[in-house]
Amino acid sequence: MSEKLLFIVMTDTAEVGLPGTSRTTDQIDSSVSDLMNTITALHNQIATLRMQNSEIQARLLDAVVANESLQKQVLALNKRIEDSIKPPLFIASVLEVRDGEALIRQHGNNQEWLVECDKQLEVGMRVAVNNDLAIIRILKGTLDERALVMELIDTPDVDYQMVGGLEKQIQEVRETVELPLTSPEVFKNIGIEPPRGVLLYGQPGTGKTLLAKAVAHHADATFIKMSGSE
């Protein structure tokens, strides 16, 4: 009898429900919803921070590149300042200007140098050059007329076969001019000084210039043409 009564009581309680059960479930659901919203908001904040971090990294990289460029400019300016305060070593004439470089010839010993140049140079100008072969300044109003009549040819495309009827002269020129340029060790081994050059003379059109160009071609040398009369 007591067991049956207990069963009835439990059945009644299940049907009626415990006091406050529905309210507690609503509170839990509300808390879970708030927590999910908070997690979503945090995820959004993390995504925003990552985007901001990427933008900052990109700006930092741009700043590093810009800083390197500025450092190079500072070094170049410092070099120009150092070059400008050094005393000039010699005076030279400008023979040719090309692509930020200038071919100059030193006065006195006629040595030629290919130097860097950031100045507005013209063929024939005279310039002051320091110990580092840097052009310090342009000497105003002083043109070297000798440089104006010069023609610079890097390596003439002329062969000995183009020079006809001068076999003997070709052989002599090759031994006295080309050989010292291409094989200086030959003269060093036998203990003699190589010839300093040759003088070609004759009527116009006899092949003097053509022969000189052929020597420059085979010796891979620069050919400078200058009219003696001018």
C-alpha atoms as a PDB file:
ATOM      1  CA  MET A   1       0.000   0.000   0.000  1.00  0.00           C
ATOM      2  CA  SER A   2       2.815   2.379   0.875  1.00  0.00           C
ATOM      3  CA  GLU A   3       4.723   1.611  -2.367  1.00  0.00           C
ATOM      4  CA  LYS A   4       1.649   2.326  -4.470  1.00  0.00           C
ATOM      5  CA  LEU A   5       1.076   5.598  -2.694  1.00  0.00           C
ATOM      6  CA  LEU A   6       4.669   6.615  -3.287  1.00  0.00           C
ATOM      7  CA  PHE A   7       4.270   5.882  -6.991  1.00  0.00           C
ATOM      8  CA  ILE A   8       1.245   8.089  -7.184  1.00  0.00           C
ATOM      9  CA  VAL A   9       3.062  10.948  -5.508  1.00  0.00           C
ATOM     10  CA  MET A  10       5.999  10.717  -7.908  1.00  0.00           C
ATOM     11  CA  THR A  11       3.666  10.604 -10.869  1.00  0.00           C
ATOM     12  CA  ASP A  12       1.873  13.684  -9.678  1.00  0.00           C
ATOM     13  CA  THR A  13       5.127  15.532  -9.141  1.00  0.00           C
ATOM     14  CA  ALA A  14       6.357  14.729 -12.683  1.00  0.00           C
ATOM     15  CA  GLU A  15       3.111  15.885 -14.174  1.00  0.00           C
ATOM     16  CA  VAL A  16       2.980  19.085 -12.191  1.00  0.00           C
ATOM     17  CA  GLY A  17       6.740  19.850 -12.524  1.00  0.00           C
ATOM     18  CA  LEU A  18       9.301  21.158 -10.067  1.00  0.00           C
ATOM     19  CA  PRO A  19       8.896  24.732  -8.983  1.00  0.00           C
ATOM     20  CA  GLY A  20      11.211  27.176 -10.926  1.00  0.00           C
ATOM     21  CA  THR A  21      12.459  24.623 -13.503  1.00  0.00           C
ATOM     22  CA  SER A  22      11.262  26.586 -16.572  1.00  0.00           C
ATOM     23  CA  ARG A  23      12.764  29.851 -15.291  1.00  0.00           C
ATOM     24  CA  THR A  24      16.157  28.222 -14.680  1.00  0.00           C
ATOM     25  CA  THR A  25      16.230  26.808 -18.229  1.00  0.00           C
ATOM     26  CA  ASP A  26      15.468  30.225 -19.689  1.00  0.00           C
ATOM     27  CA  GLN A  27      18.314  31.762 -17.692  1.00  0.00           C
ATOM     28  CA  ILE A  28      20.747  29.099 -18.938  1.00  0.00           C
ATOM     29  CA  ASP A  29      19.649  29.628 -22.535  1.00  0.00           C
ATOM     30  CA  SER A  30      20.082  33.370 -22.120  1.00  0.00           C
ATOM     31  CA  SER A  31      23.561  32.927 -20.621  1.00  0.00           C
ATOM     32  CA  VAL A  32      24.600  30.589 -23.427  1.00  0.00           C
ATOM     33  CA  SER A  33      23.318  33.067 -26.014  1.00  0.00           C
ATOM     34  CA  ASP A  34      25.221  35.915 -24.351  1.00  0.00           C
ATOM     35  CA  LEU A  35      28.359  33.784 -24.241  1.00  0.00           C
ATOM     36  CA  MET A  36      28.067  32.925 -27.942  1.00  0.00           C
ATOM     37  CA  ASN A  37      27.601  36.596 -28.790  1.00  0.00           C
ATOM     38  CA  THR A  38      30.673  37.443 -26.739  1.00  0.00           C
ATOM     39  CA  ILE A  39      32.715  34.745 -28.508  1.00  0.00           C
ATOM     40  CA  THR A  40      31.556  36.015 -31.904  1.00  0.00           C
ATOM     41  CA  ALA A  41      32.494  39.568 -30.958  1.00  0.00           C
ATOM     42  CA  LEU A  42      35.936  38.399 -29.825  1.00  0.00           C
ATOM     43  CA  HIS A  43      36.455  36.542 -33.104  1.00  0.00           C
ATOM     44  CA  ASN A  44      35.547  39.718 -34.989  1.00  0.00           C
ATOM     45  CA  GLN A  45      37.988  41.726 -32.887  1.00  0.00           C
ATOM     46  CA  ILE A  46      40.742  39.172 -33.551  1.00  0.00           C
ATOM     47  CA  ALA A  47      40.087  39.358 -37.305  1.00  0.00           C
ATOM     48  CA  THR A  48      40.198  43.164 -37.161  1.00  0.00           C
ATOM     49  CA  LEU A  49      43.455  43.113 -35.195  1.00  0.00           C
ATOM     50  CA  ARG A  50      44.990  40.711 -37.705  1.00  0.00           C
ATOM     51  CA  MET A  51      44.058  43.024 -40.570  1.00  0.00           C
ATOM     52  CA  GLN A  52      45.511  45.995 -38.721  1.00  0.00           C
ATOM     53  CA  ASN A  53      48.677  44.008 -38.006  1.00  0.00           C
ATOM     54  CA  SER A  54      49.039  43.150 -41.711  1.00  0.00           C
ATOM     55  CA  GLU A  55      48.647  46.822 -42.642  1.00  0.00           C
ATOM     56  CA  ILE A  56      51.239  47.832 -40.043  1.00  0.00           C
ATOM     57  CA  GLN A  57      53.655  45.172 -41.332  1.00  0.00           C
ATOM     58  CA  ALA A  58      53.217  46.459 -44.898  1.00  0.00           C
ATOM     59  CA  ARG A  59      53.817  50.050 -43.781  1.00  0.00           C
ATOM     60  CA  LEU A  60      56.866  48.940 -41.823  1.00  0.00           C
ATOM     61  CA  LEU A  61      58.282  47.213 -44.908  1.00  0.00           C
ATOM     62  CA  ASP A  62      57.689  50.343 -46.994  1.00  0.00           C
ATOM     63  CA  ALA A  63      59.413  52.395 -44.313  1.00  0.00           C
ATOM     64  CA  VAL A  64      62.425  50.060 -44.337  1.00  0.00           C
ATOM     65  CA  VAL A  65      62.719  50.327 -48.130  1.00  0.00           C
ATOM     66  CA  ALA A  66      62.371  54.112 -47.994  1.00  0.00           C
ATOM     67  CA  ASN A  67      64.982  54.277 -45.237  1.00  0.00           C
ATOM     68  CA  GLU A  68      67.466  52.254 -47.308  1.00  0.00           C
ATOM     69  CA  SER A  69      66.910  54.578 -50.261  1.00  0.00           C
ATOM     70  CA  LEU A  70      67.450  57.633 -48.074  1.00  0.00           C
ATOM     71  CA  GLN A  71      70.596  56.095 -46.589  1.00  0.00           C
ATOM     72  CA  LYS A  72      72.005  55.614 -50.098  1.00  0.00           C
ATOM     73  CA  GLN A  73      71.196  59.229 -50.930  1.00  0.00           C
ATOM     74  CA  VAL A  74      72.910  60.375 -47.738  1.00  0.00           C
ATOM     75  CA  LEU A  75      76.024  58.349 -48.591  1.00  0.00           C
ATOM     76  CA  ALA A  76      76.067  59.773 -52.118  1.00  0.00           C
ATOM     77  CA  LEU A  77      75.709  63.325 -50.798  1.00  0.00           C
ATOM     78  CA  ASN A  78      78.449  62.771 -48.228  1.00  0.00           C
ATOM     79  CA  LYS A  79      80.735  61.489 -50.982  1.00  0.00           C
ATOM     80  CA  ARG A  80      80.000  64.559 -53.078  1.00  0.00           C
ATOM     81  CA  ILE A  81      80.791  66.770 -50.087  1.00  0.00           C
ATOM     82  CA  GLU A  82      84.079  64.944 -49.500  1.00  0.00           C
ATOM     83  CA  ASP A  83      84.963  65.203 -53.180  1.00  0.00           C
ATOM     84  CA  SER A  84      84.167  68.905 -53.247  1.00  0.00           C
ATOM     85  CA  ILE A  85      86.518  69.760 -50.377  1.00  0.00           C
ATOM     86  CA  LYS A  86      89.478  67.763 -51.700  1.00  0.00           C
ATOM     87  CA  PRO A  87      92.038  69.803 -53.624  1.00  0.00           C
ATOM     88  CA  PRO A  88      92.251  69.076 -57.365  1.00  0.00           C
ATOM     89  CA  LEU A  89      95.127  66.927 -58.510  1.00  0.00           C
ATOM     90  CA  PHE A  90      95.159  67.746 -62.203  1.00  0.00           C
ATOM     91  CA  ILE A  91      93.272  69.351 -65.060  1.00  0.00           C
ATOM     92  CA  ALA A  92      91.815  67.240 -67.846  1.00  0.00           C
ATOM     93  CA  SER A  93      89.882  67.676 -71.065  1.00  0.00           C
ATOM     94  CA  VAL A  94      86.598  65.891 -71.745  1.00  0.00           C
ATOM     95  CA  LEU A  95      86.856  63.651 -74.803  1.00  0.00           C
ATOM     96  CA  GLU A  96      83.475  61.935 -74.663  1.00  0.00           C
ATOM     97  CA  VAL A  97      80.370  61.793 -72.460  1.00  0.00           C
ATOM     98  CA  ARG A  98      78.027  58.805 -72.287  1.00  0.00           C
ATOM     99  CA  ASP A  99      75.559  57.297 -69.775  1.00  0.00           C
ATOM    100  CA  GLY A 100      76.791  59.068 -66.652  1.00  0.00           C
ATOM    101  CA  GLU A 101      80.458  58.534 -67.504  1.00  0.00           C
ATOM    102  CA  ALA A 102      83.074  60.721 -69.140  1.00  0.00           C
ATOM    103  CA  LEU A 103      86.315  59.933 -70.924  1.00  0.00           C
ATOM    104  CA  ILE A 104      88.888  62.530 -69.885  1.00  0.00           C
ATOM    105  CA  ARG A 105      92.507  63.128 -70.862  1.00  0.00           C
ATOM    106  CA  GLN A 106      94.950  64.484 -68.320  1.00  0.00           C
ATOM    107  CA  HIS A 107      96.954  67.503 -69.370  1.00  0.00           C
ATOM    108  CA  GLY A 108     100.685  66.987 -69.368  1.00  0.00           C
ATOM    109  CA  ASN A 109     101.043  63.215 -69.727  1.00  0.00           C
ATOM    110  CA  ASN A 110      97.948  62.571 -71.907  1.00  0.00           C
ATOM    111  CA  GLN A 111      96.723  59.714 -69.704  1.00  0.00           C
ATOM    112  CA  GLU A 112      93.066  58.895 -70.254  1.00  0.00           C
ATOM    113  CA  TRP A 113      90.518  57.919 -67.620  1.00  0.00           C
ATOM    114  CA  LEU A 114      86.901  56.803 -67.728  1.00  0.00           C
ATOM    115  CA  VAL A 115      85.262  58.429 -64.705  1.00  0.00           C
ATOM    116  CA  GLU A 116      81.777  58.709 -63.260  1.00  0.00           C
ATOM    117  CA  CYS A 117      80.110  62.027 -63.820  1.00  0.00           C
ATOM    118  CA  ASP A 118      76.922  63.629 -62.520  1.00  0.00           C
ATOM    119  CA  LYS A 119      77.644  67.050 -63.994  1.00  0.00           C
ATOM    120  CA  GLN A 120      76.484  68.501 -67.302  1.00  0.00           C
ATOM    121  CA  LEU A 121      79.606  67.994 -69.377  1.00  0.00           C
ATOM    122  CA  GLU A 122      80.294  68.657 -73.024  1.00  0.00           C
ATOM    123  CA  VAL A 123      83.100  67.475 -75.238  1.00  0.00           C
ATOM    124  CA  GLY A 124      86.007  69.905 -75.078  1.00  0.00           C
ATOM    125  CA  MET A 125      85.381  71.185 -71.552  1.00  0.00           C
ATOM    126  CA  ARG A 126      88.258  71.339 -69.112  1.00  0.00           C
ATOM    127  CA  VAL A 127      87.629  69.985 -65.622  1.00  0.00           C
ATOM    128  CA  ALA A 128      89.434  69.835 -62.279  1.00  0.00           C
ATOM    129  CA  VAL A 129      89.960  66.252 -61.067  1.00  0.00           C
ATOM    130  CA  ASN A 130      91.049  65.113 -57.590  1.00  0.00           C
ATOM    131  CA  ASN A 131      93.088  62.151 -56.337  1.00  0.00           C
ATOM    132  CA  ASP A 132      90.078  59.809 -56.515  1.00  0.00           C
ATOM    133  CA  LEU A 133      89.512  60.677 -60.186  1.00  0.00           C
ATOM    134  CA  ALA A 134      86.333  62.530 -59.279  1.00  0.00           C
ATOM    135  CA  ILE A 135      85.456  65.622 -61.288  1.00  0.00           C
ATOM    136  CA  ILE A 136      85.273  68.451 -58.769  1.00  0.00           C
ATOM    137  CA  ARG A 137      84.316  71.347 -60.972  1.00  0.00           C
ATOM    138  CA  ILE A 138      84.045  72.523 -64.540  1.00  0.00           C
ATOM    139  CA  LEU A 139      86.519  75.211 -65.500  1.00  0.00           C
ATOM    140  CA  LYS A 140      84.295  77.853 -67.050  1.00  0.00           C
ATOM    141  CA  GLY A 141      85.091  79.411 -70.389  1.00  0.00           C
ATOM    142  CA  THR A 142      87.942  77.025 -71.150  1.00  0.00           C
ATOM    143  CA  LEU A 143      87.402  74.679 -74.057  1.00  0.00           C
ATOM    144  CA  ASP A 144      90.210  72.500 -75.297  1.00  0.00           C
ATOM    145  CA  GLU A 145      89.986  72.778 -79.069  1.00  0.00           C
ATOM    146  CA  ARG A 146      92.056  69.625 -79.476  1.00  0.00           C
ATOM    147  CA  ALA A 147      89.288  67.520 -77.965  1.00  0.00           C
ATOM    148  CA  LEU A 148      86.694  68.935 -80.353  1.00  0.00           C
ATOM    149  CA  VAL A 149      88.409  67.431 -83.388  1.00  0.00           C
ATOM    150  CA  MET A 150      88.782  63.960 -81.860  1.00  0.00           C
ATOM    151  CA  GLU A 151      86.622  61.009 -82.844  1.00  0.00           C
ATOM    152  CA  LEU A 152      86.395  58.088 -80.416  1.00  0.00           C
ATOM    153  CA  ILE A 153      85.778  54.595 -81.797  1.00  0.00           C
ATOM    154  CA  ASP A 154      85.627  51.801 -79.206  1.00  0.00           C
ATOM    155  CA  THR A 155      86.831  48.897 -81.370  1.00  0.00           C
ATOM    156  CA  PRO A 156      86.880  49.428 -85.146  1.00  0.00           C
ATOM    157  CA  ASP A 157      85.465  46.589 -87.216  1.00  0.00           C
ATOM    158  CA  VAL A 158      88.447  46.510 -89.587  1.00  0.00           C
ATOM    159  CA  ASP A 159      90.571  43.475 -90.431  1.00  0.00           C
ATOM    160  CA  TYR A 160      94.048  43.271 -91.939  1.00  0.00           C
ATOM    161  CA  GLN A 161      92.546  41.632 -95.009  1.00  0.00           C
ATOM    162  CA  MET A 162      90.879  44.954 -95.800  1.00  0.00           C
ATOM    163  CA  VAL A 163      94.295  46.592 -96.148  1.00  0.00           C
ATOM    164  CA  GLY A 164      95.721  45.646 -99.528  1.00  0.00           C
ATOM    165  CA  GLY A 165      99.283  45.846-100.791  1.00  0.00           C
ATOM    166  CA  LEU A 166     100.918  46.597 -97.429  1.00  0.00           C
ATOM    167  CA  GLU A 167     102.008  43.148 -96.282  1.00  0.00           C
ATOM    168  CA  LYS A 168     105.435  44.317 -95.106  1.00  0.00           C
ATOM    169  CA  GLN A 169     104.049  47.329 -93.267  1.00  0.00           C
ATOM    170  CA  ILE A 170     101.324  45.196 -91.685  1.00  0.00           C
ATOM    171  CA  GLN A 171     103.910  42.737 -90.361  1.00  0.00           C
ATOM    172  CA  GLU A 172     106.044  45.537 -88.907  1.00  0.00           C
ATOM    173  CA  VAL A 173     103.072  47.247 -87.277  1.00  0.00           C
ATOM    174  CA  ARG A 174     101.835  43.982 -85.781  1.00  0.00           C
ATOM    175  CA  GLU A 175     105.249  43.296 -84.257  1.00  0.00           C
ATOM    176  CA  THR A 176     105.783  46.809 -82.895  1.00  0.00           C
ATOM    177  CA  VAL A 177     102.242  47.794 -81.839  1.00  0.00           C
ATOM    178  CA  GLU A 178      99.879  44.824 -81.634  1.00  0.00           C
ATOM    179  CA  LEU A 179     102.259  42.322 -80.033  1.00  0.00           C
ATOM    180  CA  PRO A 180     103.179  44.568 -77.046  1.00  0.00           C
ATOM    181  CA  LEU A 181      99.464  45.066 -76.378  1.00  0.00           C
ATOM    182  CA  THR A 182      98.352  41.457 -76.717  1.00  0.00           C
ATOM    183  CA  SER A 183     101.456  39.597 -75.466  1.00  0.00           C
ATOM    184  CA  PRO A 184     103.591  41.886 -73.271  1.00  0.00           C
ATOM    185  CA  GLU A 185     105.089  38.845 -71.547  1.00  0.00           C
ATOM    186  CA  VAL A 186     107.075  38.063 -74.706  1.00  0.00           C
ATOM    187  CA  PHE A 187     109.143  41.226 -74.300  1.00  0.00           C
ATOM    188  CA  LYS A 188     109.404  40.731 -70.550  1.00  0.00           C
ATOM    189  CA  ASN A 189     110.750  37.201 -70.937  1.00  0.00           C
ATOM    190  CA  ILE A 190     113.524  38.250 -73.294  1.00  0.00           C
ATOM    191  CA  GLY A 191     114.309  41.343 -71.215  1.00  0.00           C
ATOM    192  CA  ILE A 192     113.676  44.167 -73.688  1.00  0.00           C
ATOM    193  CA  GLU A 193     111.399  47.163 -73.624  1.00  0.00           C
ATOM    194  CA  PRO A 194     108.526  47.015 -76.143  1.00  0.00           C
ATOM    195  CA  PRO A 195     108.347  49.788 -78.746  1.00  0.00           C
ATOM    196  CA  ARG A 196     106.315  52.827 -77.742  1.00  0.00           C
ATOM    197  CA  GLY A 197     104.660  53.158 -81.137  1.00  0.00           C
ATOM    198  CA  VAL A 198     105.218  53.856 -84.810  1.00  0.00           C
ATOM    199  CA  LEU A 199     104.818  56.797 -87.154  1.00  0.00           C
ATOM    200  CA  LEU A 200     102.919  56.097 -90.361  1.00  0.00           C
ATOM    201  CA  TYR A 201     103.465  58.588 -93.152  1.00  0.00           C
ATOM    202  CA  GLY A 202     102.453  58.792 -96.777  1.00  0.00           C
ATOM    203  CA  GLN A 203     100.042  60.337 -99.214  1.00  0.00           C
ATOM    204  CA  PRO A 204      96.312  60.468 -98.394  1.00  0.00           C
ATOM    205  CA  GLY A 205      94.475  57.273 -99.260  1.00  0.00           C
ATOM    206  CA  THR A 206      97.441  54.924 -98.873  1.00  0.00           C
ATOM    207  CA  GLY A 207      95.891  52.983 -95.962  1.00  0.00           C
ATOM    208  CA  LYS A 208      97.433  54.611 -92.873  1.00  0.00           C
ATOM    209  CA  THR A 209      94.160  55.115 -91.001  1.00  0.00           C
ATOM    210  CA  LEU A 210      92.789  51.753 -92.132  1.00  0.00           C
ATOM    211  CA  LEU A 211      95.923  49.999 -90.883  1.00  0.00           C
ATOM    212  CA  ALA A 212      95.698  51.767 -87.512  1.00  0.00           C
ATOM    213  CA  LYS A 213      92.056  50.723 -87.158  1.00  0.00           C
ATOM    214  CA  ALA A 214      92.971  47.117 -87.961  1.00  0.00           C
ATOM    215  CA  VAL A 215      95.606  47.162 -85.209  1.00  0.00           C
ATOM    216  CA  ALA A 216      93.047  48.520 -82.732  1.00  0.00           C
ATOM    217  CA  HIS A 217      90.575  45.837 -83.795  1.00  0.00           C
ATOM    218  CA  HIS A 218      92.983  42.926 -83.292  1.00  0.00           C
ATOM    219  CA  ALA A 219      94.373  44.360 -80.051  1.00  0.00           C
ATOM    220  CA  ASP A 220      90.836  45.067 -78.731  1.00  0.00           C
ATOM    221  CA  ALA A 221      91.907  48.664 -78.140  1.00  0.00           C
ATOM    222  CA  THR A 222      90.116  51.997 -78.349  1.00  0.00           C
ATOM    223  CA  PHE A 223      90.796  53.994 -81.496  1.00  0.00           C
ATOM    224  CA  ILE A 224      90.912  57.795 -81.275  1.00  0.00           C
ATOM    225  CA  LYS A 225      91.014  59.610 -84.576  1.00  0.00           C
ATOM    226  CA  MET A 226      92.410  63.136 -84.599  1.00  0.00           C
ATOM    227  CA  SER A 227      93.320  65.304 -87.529  1.00  0.00           C
ATOM    228  CA  GLY A 228      96.921  66.474 -87.219  1.00  0.00           C
ATOM    229  CA  SER A 229      96.326  69.563 -89.320  1.00  0.00           C
ATOM    230  CA  GLU A 230      93.553  70.720 -87.006  1.00  0.00           C
END
